[in-house]
């Protein structure tokens, strides 16, 4: 692998390791394929990254599922070859929809569960508790709507955040 490709693959791997979206190895594979001038076979990818073919195969499946890599037939070869996606907007739509939106909806479900537990205890939650749950719900509902807008290619309703999250200056005035 040339130095430029190695630098990008390793840098993406480092970034991915902290992101929780892709593994370090998946990002390295993506970087290699992105800078490759042609589709590469599993054997070529494994050789370039000094990884086992089975490890590369497992990671390729995830990248294909995330629409970051696609299988490309190569005339005269019966092996599977792969290339990186170049439509980053589409790739990010997929990541936002499948990863971030799921997480946001888990928070919304937790808020609903907390309210249900409060209702089961047959006592109304304290006003402060209800206010906190309402703010959490409003914030994550807005993020959910924003992800939906992004996925549809619409503008994020950022101005609505002011209604949900008080600005620091406003918080300081209250104290």
N, C-alpha and C. Protein backbone atom coordinates (compact mmCIF):
# COMPACT_ATOMS: atom_id res chain seq x y z
N UNK A 1 0.86 -1.17 0.00
CA UNK A 1 0.00 0.00 0.00
C UNK A 1 0.91 1.23 0.00
N UNK A 2 0.55 2.22 -0.79
CA UNK A 2 1.37 3.44 -0.83
C UNK A 2 1.15 4.26 0.43
N UNK A 3 2.02 5.24 0.66
CA UNK A 3 1.99 6.03 1.90
C UNK A 3 0.72 6.85 2.04
N UNK A 4 0.23 7.42 0.94
CA UNK A 4 -0.98 8.24 1.01
C UNK A 4 -2.16 7.39 1.43
N UNK A 5 -2.32 6.23 0.80
CA UNK A 5 -3.42 5.33 1.14
C UNK A 5 -3.28 4.84 2.58
N UNK A 6 -2.07 4.49 2.97
CA UNK A 6 -1.82 4.04 4.34
C UNK A 6 -2.15 5.11 5.36
N UNK A 7 -1.78 6.33 5.05
CA UNK A 7 -2.07 7.45 5.96
C UNK A 7 -3.57 7.66 6.11
N UNK A 8 -4.30 7.65 4.99
CA UNK A 8 -5.75 7.83 5.05
C UNK A 8 -6.40 6.65 5.77
N UNK A 9 -6.04 5.42 5.41
CA UNK A 9 -6.65 4.24 6.02
C UNK A 9 -6.41 4.22 7.53
N UNK A 10 -5.18 4.52 7.96
CA UNK A 10 -4.89 4.52 9.39
C UNK A 10 -5.60 5.67 10.10
N UNK A 11 -5.65 6.83 9.47
CA UNK A 11 -6.35 7.98 10.07
C UNK A 11 -7.83 7.73 10.21
N UNK A 12 -8.45 7.16 9.18
CA UNK A 12 -9.87 6.83 9.28
C UNK A 12 -10.11 5.77 10.35
N UNK A 13 -9.18 4.82 10.43
CA UNK A 13 -9.29 3.78 11.46
C UNK A 13 -9.26 4.36 12.86
N UNK A 14 -8.36 5.31 13.08
CA UNK A 14 -8.26 5.96 14.38
C UNK A 14 -9.54 6.74 14.69
N UNK A 15 -10.05 7.46 13.72
CA UNK A 15 -11.28 8.23 13.91
C UNK A 15 -12.45 7.29 14.20
N UNK A 16 -12.54 6.21 13.46
CA UNK A 16 -13.65 5.27 13.63
C UNK A 16 -13.61 4.60 14.99
N UNK A 17 -12.42 4.31 15.48
CA UNK A 17 -12.31 3.64 16.77
C UNK A 17 -12.97 4.45 17.88
N UNK A 18 -12.95 5.76 17.75
CA UNK A 18 -13.56 6.63 18.76
C UNK A 18 -15.03 6.94 18.47
N UNK A 19 -15.49 6.68 17.26
CA UNK A 19 -16.83 7.10 16.87
C UNK A 19 -17.94 6.17 17.31
N UNK A 20 -17.64 4.89 17.40
CA UNK A 20 -18.68 3.93 17.71
C UNK A 20 -19.57 3.59 16.53
N UNK A 21 -19.27 4.14 15.36
CA UNK A 21 -20.07 3.85 14.17
C UNK A 21 -19.47 2.67 13.42
N UNK A 22 -18.21 2.79 13.11
CA UNK A 22 -17.49 1.72 12.43
C UNK A 22 -16.33 1.27 13.30
N UNK A 23 -15.87 0.06 13.07
CA UNK A 23 -14.68 -0.39 13.78
C UNK A 23 -13.45 0.18 13.08
N UNK A 24 -12.33 0.10 13.74
CA UNK A 24 -11.08 0.59 13.16
C UNK A 24 -10.78 -0.14 11.85
N UNK A 25 -10.98 -1.44 11.85
CA UNK A 25 -10.69 -2.23 10.65
C UNK A 25 -11.65 -1.88 9.51
N UNK A 26 -12.90 -1.67 9.81
CA UNK A 26 -13.86 -1.31 8.76
C UNK A 26 -13.48 0.02 8.12
N UNK A 27 -13.06 0.98 8.92
CA UNK A 27 -12.66 2.28 8.38
C UNK A 27 -11.38 2.16 7.56
N UNK A 28 -10.48 1.32 7.98
CA UNK A 28 -9.24 1.11 7.20
C UNK A 28 -9.57 0.50 5.84
N UNK A 29 -10.49 -0.46 5.83
CA UNK A 29 -10.90 -1.08 4.56
C UNK A 29 -11.54 -0.01 3.66
N UNK A 30 -12.42 0.79 4.24
CA UNK A 30 -13.05 1.85 3.46
C UNK A 30 -12.00 2.79 2.87
N UNK A 31 -11.04 3.23 3.69
CA UNK A 31 -9.99 4.13 3.21
C UNK A 31 -9.19 3.53 2.07
N UNK A 32 -8.84 2.27 2.19
CA UNK A 32 -8.11 1.58 1.12
C UNK A 32 -8.94 1.56 -0.16
N UNK A 33 -10.19 1.15 -0.05
CA UNK A 33 -11.04 1.07 -1.24
C UNK A 33 -11.33 2.45 -1.83
N UNK A 34 -11.48 3.45 -0.97
CA UNK A 34 -11.80 4.79 -1.45
C UNK A 34 -10.68 5.34 -2.33
N UNK A 35 -9.45 5.10 -1.95
CA UNK A 35 -8.34 5.63 -2.74
C UNK A 35 -7.86 4.68 -3.84
N UNK A 36 -8.40 3.49 -3.86
CA UNK A 36 -8.02 2.54 -4.91
C UNK A 36 -8.62 2.99 -6.24
N UNK A 37 -7.86 2.85 -7.28
CA UNK A 37 -8.35 3.24 -8.60
C UNK A 37 -9.22 2.19 -9.25
N UNK A 38 -9.40 1.06 -8.55
CA UNK A 38 -10.19 -0.04 -9.12
C UNK A 38 -10.79 -0.87 -8.00
N UNK A 39 -11.81 -1.66 -8.28
CA UNK A 39 -12.35 -2.56 -7.25
C UNK A 39 -11.29 -3.59 -6.84
N UNK A 40 -11.27 -3.94 -5.57
CA UNK A 40 -10.29 -4.90 -5.05
C UNK A 40 -11.00 -6.16 -4.55
N UNK A 41 -10.31 -7.29 -4.68
CA UNK A 41 -10.84 -8.56 -4.18
C UNK A 41 -10.55 -8.66 -2.68
N UNK A 42 -11.20 -9.60 -2.03
CA UNK A 42 -10.96 -9.83 -0.61
C UNK A 42 -9.49 -10.16 -0.37
N UNK A 43 -8.91 -10.98 -1.25
CA UNK A 43 -7.49 -11.33 -1.11
C UNK A 43 -6.60 -10.10 -1.19
N UNK A 44 -6.89 -9.21 -2.12
CA UNK A 44 -6.08 -7.99 -2.26
C UNK A 44 -6.22 -7.09 -1.04
N UNK A 45 -7.44 -6.95 -0.55
CA UNK A 45 -7.68 -6.11 0.63
C UNK A 45 -6.93 -6.71 1.83
N UNK A 46 -7.07 -8.02 2.02
CA UNK A 46 -6.41 -8.69 3.14
C UNK A 46 -4.90 -8.51 3.06
N UNK A 47 -4.36 -8.65 1.88
CA UNK A 47 -2.91 -8.51 1.70
C UNK A 47 -2.45 -7.08 1.98
N UNK A 48 -3.17 -6.09 1.45
CA UNK A 48 -2.79 -4.68 1.64
C UNK A 48 -2.85 -4.26 3.10
N UNK A 49 -3.82 -4.80 3.84
CA UNK A 49 -4.00 -4.40 5.24
C UNK A 49 -3.38 -5.39 6.23
N UNK A 50 -2.71 -6.41 5.70
CA UNK A 50 -2.10 -7.45 6.54
C UNK A 50 -3.12 -8.05 7.52
N UNK A 51 -4.27 -8.41 6.99
CA UNK A 51 -5.34 -9.01 7.77
C UNK A 51 -5.73 -10.34 7.13
N UNK A 52 -6.41 -11.18 7.91
CA UNK A 52 -6.88 -12.44 7.35
C UNK A 52 -8.05 -12.17 6.41
N UNK A 53 -8.20 -13.03 5.44
CA UNK A 53 -9.30 -12.89 4.49
C UNK A 53 -10.64 -13.02 5.21
N UNK A 54 -10.74 -13.90 6.20
CA UNK A 54 -12.01 -14.06 6.91
C UNK A 54 -12.37 -12.80 7.69
N UNK A 55 -11.38 -12.14 8.30
CA UNK A 55 -11.62 -10.89 9.02
C UNK A 55 -12.09 -9.81 8.05
N UNK A 56 -11.43 -9.72 6.91
CA UNK A 56 -11.83 -8.73 5.90
C UNK A 56 -13.24 -9.02 5.41
N UNK A 57 -13.55 -10.28 5.19
CA UNK A 57 -14.88 -10.66 4.71
C UNK A 57 -15.97 -10.25 5.69
N UNK A 58 -15.75 -10.48 6.99
CA UNK A 58 -16.73 -10.08 8.00
C UNK A 58 -16.93 -8.56 8.01
N UNK A 59 -15.84 -7.83 7.92
CA UNK A 59 -15.93 -6.37 7.95
C UNK A 59 -16.52 -5.80 6.67
N UNK A 60 -16.24 -6.43 5.55
CA UNK A 60 -16.83 -5.99 4.27
C UNK A 60 -18.35 -6.10 4.33
N UNK A 61 -18.84 -7.18 4.92
CA UNK A 61 -20.30 -7.36 5.01
C UNK A 61 -20.96 -6.18 5.72
N UNK A 62 -20.34 -5.72 6.80
CA UNK A 62 -20.89 -4.57 7.53
C UNK A 62 -20.84 -3.33 6.65
N UNK A 63 -19.74 -3.11 5.97
CA UNK A 63 -19.61 -1.93 5.10
C UNK A 63 -20.62 -1.97 3.96
N UNK A 64 -20.89 -3.14 3.43
CA UNK A 64 -21.89 -3.29 2.37
C UNK A 64 -23.28 -2.99 2.94
N UNK A 65 -23.54 -3.50 4.13
CA UNK A 65 -24.83 -3.26 4.79
C UNK A 65 -25.06 -1.77 5.04
N UNK A 66 -24.00 -1.05 5.37
CA UNK A 66 -24.08 0.38 5.64
C UNK A 66 -24.02 1.21 4.36
N UNK A 67 -23.94 0.57 3.21
CA UNK A 67 -23.87 1.24 1.90
C UNK A 67 -22.61 2.09 1.74
N UNK A 68 -21.56 1.72 2.47
CA UNK A 68 -20.28 2.42 2.33
C UNK A 68 -19.38 1.73 1.31
N UNK A 69 -19.66 0.47 1.05
CA UNK A 69 -18.91 -0.33 0.08
C UNK A 69 -19.93 -1.12 -0.72
N UNK A 70 -19.61 -1.34 -1.99
CA UNK A 70 -20.51 -2.16 -2.82
C UNK A 70 -19.68 -3.18 -3.60
N UNK A 71 -20.32 -4.29 -3.87
CA UNK A 71 -19.70 -5.35 -4.66
C UNK A 71 -19.73 -4.94 -6.12
N UNK A 72 -18.63 -5.14 -6.80
CA UNK A 72 -18.54 -4.82 -8.22
C UNK A 72 -17.97 -6.00 -8.98
N UNK A 73 -18.68 -6.48 -9.99
CA UNK A 73 -18.12 -7.56 -10.80
C UNK A 73 -16.93 -7.06 -11.62
N UNK A 74 -15.94 -7.91 -11.77
CA UNK A 74 -14.77 -7.59 -12.59
C UNK A 74 -14.75 -8.60 -13.73
N UNK A 75 -14.80 -8.11 -14.97
CA UNK A 75 -14.80 -9.04 -16.11
C UNK A 75 -13.62 -10.01 -16.06
N UNK A 76 -13.92 -11.29 -16.26
CA UNK A 76 -12.89 -12.31 -16.28
C UNK A 76 -12.53 -12.87 -14.92
N UNK A 77 -13.17 -12.40 -13.86
CA UNK A 77 -12.87 -12.89 -12.52
C UNK A 77 -14.14 -13.42 -11.88
N UNK A 78 -14.00 -14.54 -11.18
CA UNK A 78 -15.15 -15.09 -10.46
C UNK A 78 -15.15 -14.65 -9.01
N UNK A 79 -14.12 -13.96 -8.58
CA UNK A 79 -14.02 -13.49 -7.21
C UNK A 79 -14.88 -12.24 -7.01
N UNK A 80 -15.29 -12.05 -5.76
CA UNK A 80 -15.99 -10.82 -5.42
C UNK A 80 -14.98 -9.68 -5.32
N UNK A 81 -15.32 -8.56 -5.90
CA UNK A 81 -14.50 -7.35 -5.81
C UNK A 81 -15.37 -6.24 -5.21
N UNK A 82 -14.71 -5.30 -4.55
CA UNK A 82 -15.44 -4.26 -3.84
C UNK A 82 -14.85 -2.89 -4.12
N UNK A 83 -15.74 -1.88 -4.06
CA UNK A 83 -15.30 -0.49 -4.19
C UNK A 83 -16.04 0.34 -3.16
N UNK A 84 -15.42 1.44 -2.79
CA UNK A 84 -16.03 2.33 -1.80
C UNK A 84 -17.09 3.21 -2.44
N UNK A 85 -18.10 3.52 -1.68
CA UNK A 85 -19.12 4.47 -2.13
C UNK A 85 -18.52 5.86 -2.14
N UNK A 86 -19.01 6.67 -3.02
CA UNK A 86 -18.53 8.05 -3.09
C UNK A 86 -19.65 9.06 -2.83
N UNK A 87 -20.87 8.57 -2.66
CA UNK A 87 -22.01 9.44 -2.34
C UNK A 87 -22.09 9.54 -0.81
N UNK A 88 -21.33 10.48 -0.26
CA UNK A 88 -21.24 10.60 1.19
C UNK A 88 -22.56 11.04 1.80
N UNK A 89 -23.32 11.85 1.12
CA UNK A 89 -24.60 12.27 1.65
C UNK A 89 -25.48 11.05 1.87
N UNK A 90 -25.54 10.17 0.90
CA UNK A 90 -26.35 8.95 1.03
C UNK A 90 -25.83 8.07 2.16
N UNK A 91 -24.52 7.95 2.24
CA UNK A 91 -23.93 7.13 3.31
C UNK A 91 -24.27 7.71 4.68
N UNK A 92 -24.17 9.02 4.83
CA UNK A 92 -24.48 9.64 6.12
C UNK A 92 -25.98 9.55 6.43
N UNK A 93 -26.81 9.63 5.41
CA UNK A 93 -28.24 9.44 5.64
C UNK A 93 -28.48 8.06 6.26
N UNK A 94 -27.83 7.07 5.72
CA UNK A 94 -27.98 5.70 6.21
C UNK A 94 -27.49 5.60 7.66
N UNK A 95 -26.35 6.17 7.94
CA UNK A 95 -25.79 6.12 9.29
C UNK A 95 -26.70 6.85 10.27
N UNK A 96 -27.15 8.03 9.91
CA UNK A 96 -28.03 8.79 10.80
C UNK A 96 -29.33 8.03 11.05
N UNK A 97 -29.90 7.51 9.99
CA UNK A 97 -31.18 6.81 10.12
C UNK A 97 -31.05 5.55 10.96
N UNK A 98 -30.02 4.77 10.70
CA UNK A 98 -29.92 3.46 11.34
C UNK A 98 -29.22 3.48 12.68
N UNK A 99 -28.28 4.37 12.89
CA UNK A 99 -27.53 4.35 14.15
C UNK A 99 -28.01 5.42 15.11
N UNK A 100 -27.96 6.67 14.68
CA UNK A 100 -28.28 7.76 15.59
C UNK A 100 -29.77 7.80 15.91
N UNK A 101 -30.59 7.59 14.92
CA UNK A 101 -32.03 7.66 15.17
C UNK A 101 -32.47 6.56 16.12
N UNK A 102 -31.88 5.38 16.00
CA UNK A 102 -32.21 4.28 16.90
C UNK A 102 -31.87 4.68 18.33
N UNK A 103 -30.70 5.28 18.53
CA UNK A 103 -30.27 5.72 19.85
C UNK A 103 -31.21 6.78 20.41
N UNK A 104 -31.57 7.74 19.59
CA UNK A 104 -32.49 8.80 20.00
C UNK A 104 -33.83 8.19 20.42
N UNK A 105 -34.31 7.26 19.66
CA UNK A 105 -35.60 6.65 19.99
C UNK A 105 -35.53 5.79 21.24
N UNK A 106 -34.35 5.26 21.56
CA UNK A 106 -34.17 4.54 22.82
C UNK A 106 -34.33 5.49 24.00
N UNK A 107 -33.80 6.70 23.87
CA UNK A 107 -33.95 7.71 24.93
C UNK A 107 -35.42 8.07 25.08
N UNK A 108 -36.11 8.27 23.97
CA UNK A 108 -37.55 8.60 24.05
C UNK A 108 -38.34 7.48 24.71
N UNK A 109 -37.98 6.25 24.43
CA UNK A 109 -38.65 5.11 25.07
C UNK A 109 -38.35 5.07 26.57
N UNK A 110 -37.11 5.42 26.95
CA UNK A 110 -36.75 5.45 28.37
C UNK A 110 -37.57 6.51 29.11
N UNK A 111 -37.79 7.65 28.48
CA UNK A 111 -38.61 8.71 29.10
C UNK A 111 -40.04 8.19 29.28
N UNK A 112 -40.58 7.56 28.27
CA UNK A 112 -41.94 7.00 28.37
C UNK A 112 -42.01 5.94 29.47
N UNK A 113 -40.97 5.11 29.56
CA UNK A 113 -40.94 4.08 30.61
C UNK A 113 -40.89 4.72 31.99
N UNK A 114 -40.10 5.78 32.14
CA UNK A 114 -40.00 6.46 33.43
C UNK A 114 -41.35 7.04 33.83
N UNK A 115 -42.05 7.62 32.87
CA UNK A 115 -43.39 8.15 33.17
C UNK A 115 -44.35 7.03 33.55
N UNK A 116 -44.25 5.88 32.89
CA UNK A 116 -45.12 4.75 33.20
C UNK A 116 -44.85 4.24 34.62
N UNK A 117 -43.59 4.18 35.00
CA UNK A 117 -43.24 3.75 36.36
C UNK A 117 -43.81 4.73 37.37
N UNK A 118 -43.72 6.02 37.09
CA UNK A 118 -44.29 7.02 37.99
C UNK A 118 -45.80 6.85 38.10
N UNK A 119 -46.46 6.55 36.98
CA UNK A 119 -47.92 6.37 36.99
C UNK A 119 -48.29 5.10 37.76
N UNK A 120 -47.50 4.05 37.63
CA UNK A 120 -47.78 2.80 38.35
C UNK A 120 -47.65 2.97 39.85
N UNK A 121 -46.78 3.87 40.26
CA UNK A 121 -46.59 4.08 41.70
C UNK A 121 -47.75 4.87 42.30
N UNK A 122 -48.68 5.25 41.46
CA UNK A 122 -49.90 5.96 41.87
C UNK A 122 -49.62 7.29 42.56
N UNK A 123 -48.54 7.87 42.16
CA UNK A 123 -48.28 9.21 42.67
C UNK A 123 -47.76 10.04 41.50
N UNK A 124 -48.19 11.22 41.46
CA UNK A 124 -47.75 12.10 40.39
C UNK A 124 -46.27 12.44 40.60
N UNK A 125 -45.49 12.47 39.54
CA UNK A 125 -44.09 12.85 39.72
C UNK A 125 -44.00 14.30 40.15
N UNK A 126 -42.99 14.60 40.91
CA UNK A 126 -42.77 15.98 41.36
C UNK A 126 -42.68 16.87 40.13
N UNK A 127 -43.06 18.11 40.30
CA UNK A 127 -43.05 19.05 39.17
C UNK A 127 -41.67 19.15 38.54
N UNK A 128 -40.64 19.15 39.38
CA UNK A 128 -39.28 19.24 38.83
C UNK A 128 -38.93 18.00 38.01
N UNK A 129 -39.33 16.83 38.49
CA UNK A 129 -39.08 15.59 37.76
C UNK A 129 -39.81 15.61 36.43
N UNK A 130 -41.07 16.00 36.44
CA UNK A 130 -41.84 16.05 35.20
C UNK A 130 -41.25 17.05 34.24
N UNK A 131 -40.78 18.20 34.74
CA UNK A 131 -40.16 19.20 33.88
C UNK A 131 -38.89 18.64 33.23
N UNK A 132 -38.10 17.94 34.01
CA UNK A 132 -36.87 17.35 33.46
C UNK A 132 -37.19 16.30 32.39
N UNK A 133 -38.16 15.45 32.68
CA UNK A 133 -38.56 14.45 31.68
C UNK A 133 -39.09 15.12 30.42
N UNK A 134 -39.88 16.16 30.60
CA UNK A 134 -40.44 16.87 29.45
C UNK A 134 -39.35 17.52 28.61
N UNK A 135 -38.34 18.11 29.26
CA UNK A 135 -37.24 18.74 28.52
C UNK A 135 -36.43 17.69 27.75
N UNK A 136 -36.16 16.58 28.42
CA UNK A 136 -35.41 15.50 27.78
C UNK A 136 -36.18 14.97 26.57
N UNK A 137 -37.47 14.77 26.77
CA UNK A 137 -38.31 14.29 25.68
C UNK A 137 -38.37 15.29 24.53
N UNK A 138 -38.55 16.56 24.85
CA UNK A 138 -38.63 17.58 23.81
C UNK A 138 -37.33 17.68 23.03
N UNK A 139 -36.20 17.63 23.73
CA UNK A 139 -34.91 17.71 23.05
C UNK A 139 -34.72 16.52 22.11
N UNK A 140 -34.93 15.31 22.60
CA UNK A 140 -34.69 14.14 21.76
C UNK A 140 -35.75 13.99 20.67
N UNK A 141 -36.97 14.46 20.91
CA UNK A 141 -37.98 14.47 19.84
C UNK A 141 -37.54 15.42 18.72
N UNK A 142 -36.96 16.54 19.11
CA UNK A 142 -36.46 17.49 18.11
C UNK A 142 -35.29 16.89 17.33
N UNK A 143 -34.38 16.21 18.02
CA UNK A 143 -33.26 15.56 17.35
C UNK A 143 -33.80 14.49 16.40
N UNK A 144 -34.80 13.73 16.82
CA UNK A 144 -35.42 12.73 15.96
C UNK A 144 -36.01 13.38 14.71
N UNK A 145 -36.69 14.50 14.90
CA UNK A 145 -37.25 15.23 13.76
C UNK A 145 -36.14 15.76 12.86
N UNK A 146 -35.05 16.22 13.47
CA UNK A 146 -33.91 16.71 12.69
C UNK A 146 -33.26 15.62 11.87
N UNK A 147 -33.12 14.44 12.45
CA UNK A 147 -32.56 13.31 11.70
C UNK A 147 -33.49 12.97 10.54
N UNK A 148 -34.79 12.96 10.82
CA UNK A 148 -35.75 12.70 9.75
C UNK A 148 -35.63 13.72 8.63
N UNK A 149 -35.47 14.99 8.99
CA UNK A 149 -35.31 16.04 7.97
C UNK A 149 -34.03 15.83 7.18
N UNK A 150 -32.94 15.51 7.86
CA UNK A 150 -31.66 15.26 7.18
C UNK A 150 -31.78 14.10 6.20
N UNK A 151 -32.41 13.03 6.64
CA UNK A 151 -32.56 11.84 5.80
C UNK A 151 -33.38 12.17 4.55
N UNK A 152 -34.35 13.07 4.71
CA UNK A 152 -35.16 13.47 3.55
C UNK A 152 -34.51 14.58 2.74
N UNK A 153 -33.35 15.08 3.19
CA UNK A 153 -32.65 16.14 2.47
C UNK A 153 -33.21 17.52 2.76
N UNK A 154 -33.88 17.67 3.90
CA UNK A 154 -34.47 18.95 4.29
C UNK A 154 -33.58 19.63 5.32
N UNK A 155 -33.87 20.87 5.62
CA UNK A 155 -33.10 21.63 6.61
C UNK A 155 -33.41 21.13 8.01
N UNK A 156 -32.40 21.12 8.87
CA UNK A 156 -32.57 20.76 10.28
C UNK A 156 -33.24 21.93 11.00
N UNK A 157 -34.24 21.67 11.81
CA UNK A 157 -34.96 22.76 12.49
C UNK A 157 -34.17 23.29 13.70
N UNK A 158 -32.95 23.75 13.48
CA UNK A 158 -32.06 24.16 14.57
C UNK A 158 -32.62 25.31 15.40
N UNK A 159 -33.36 26.22 14.78
CA UNK A 159 -33.89 27.35 15.54
C UNK A 159 -34.83 26.89 16.65
N UNK A 160 -35.41 25.72 16.51
CA UNK A 160 -36.30 25.21 17.54
C UNK A 160 -35.55 24.76 18.79
N UNK A 161 -34.24 24.56 18.68
CA UNK A 161 -33.45 24.17 19.84
C UNK A 161 -33.53 25.21 20.95
N UNK A 162 -33.64 26.47 20.59
CA UNK A 162 -33.71 27.54 21.60
C UNK A 162 -34.91 27.34 22.52
N UNK A 163 -35.97 26.78 22.01
CA UNK A 163 -37.16 26.56 22.83
C UNK A 163 -36.98 25.37 23.78
N UNK A 164 -36.04 24.51 23.47
CA UNK A 164 -35.85 23.30 24.26
C UNK A 164 -34.67 23.42 25.21
N UNK A 165 -33.59 24.02 24.74
CA UNK A 165 -32.37 24.15 25.54
C UNK A 165 -32.13 25.62 25.83
N UNK A 166 -32.22 25.99 27.09
CA UNK A 166 -31.94 27.40 27.39
C UNK A 166 -30.48 27.72 27.09
N UNK A 167 -30.25 28.90 26.56
CA UNK A 167 -28.88 29.33 26.30
C UNK A 167 -28.16 29.56 27.62
N UNK A 168 -26.85 29.47 27.63
CA UNK A 168 -26.07 29.65 28.87
C UNK A 168 -26.38 30.97 29.54
N UNK A 169 -26.47 32.01 28.77
CA UNK A 169 -26.75 33.33 29.35
C UNK A 169 -28.09 33.32 30.08
N UNK A 170 -29.06 32.66 29.50
CA UNK A 170 -30.38 32.60 30.15
C UNK A 170 -30.29 31.80 31.44
N UNK A 171 -29.52 30.73 31.47
CA UNK A 171 -29.36 29.93 32.66
C UNK A 171 -28.66 30.73 33.75
N UNK A 172 -27.67 31.50 33.36
CA UNK A 172 -26.92 32.31 34.34
C UNK A 172 -27.81 33.35 34.98
N UNK A 173 -28.72 33.93 34.20
CA UNK A 173 -29.63 34.95 34.74
C UNK A 173 -30.55 34.38 35.80
N UNK A 174 -30.93 33.13 35.66
CA UNK A 174 -31.85 32.49 36.61
C UNK A 174 -31.20 32.26 37.97
N UNK A 175 -29.90 32.11 37.99
CA UNK A 175 -29.20 31.76 39.24
C UNK A 175 -29.02 32.92 40.11
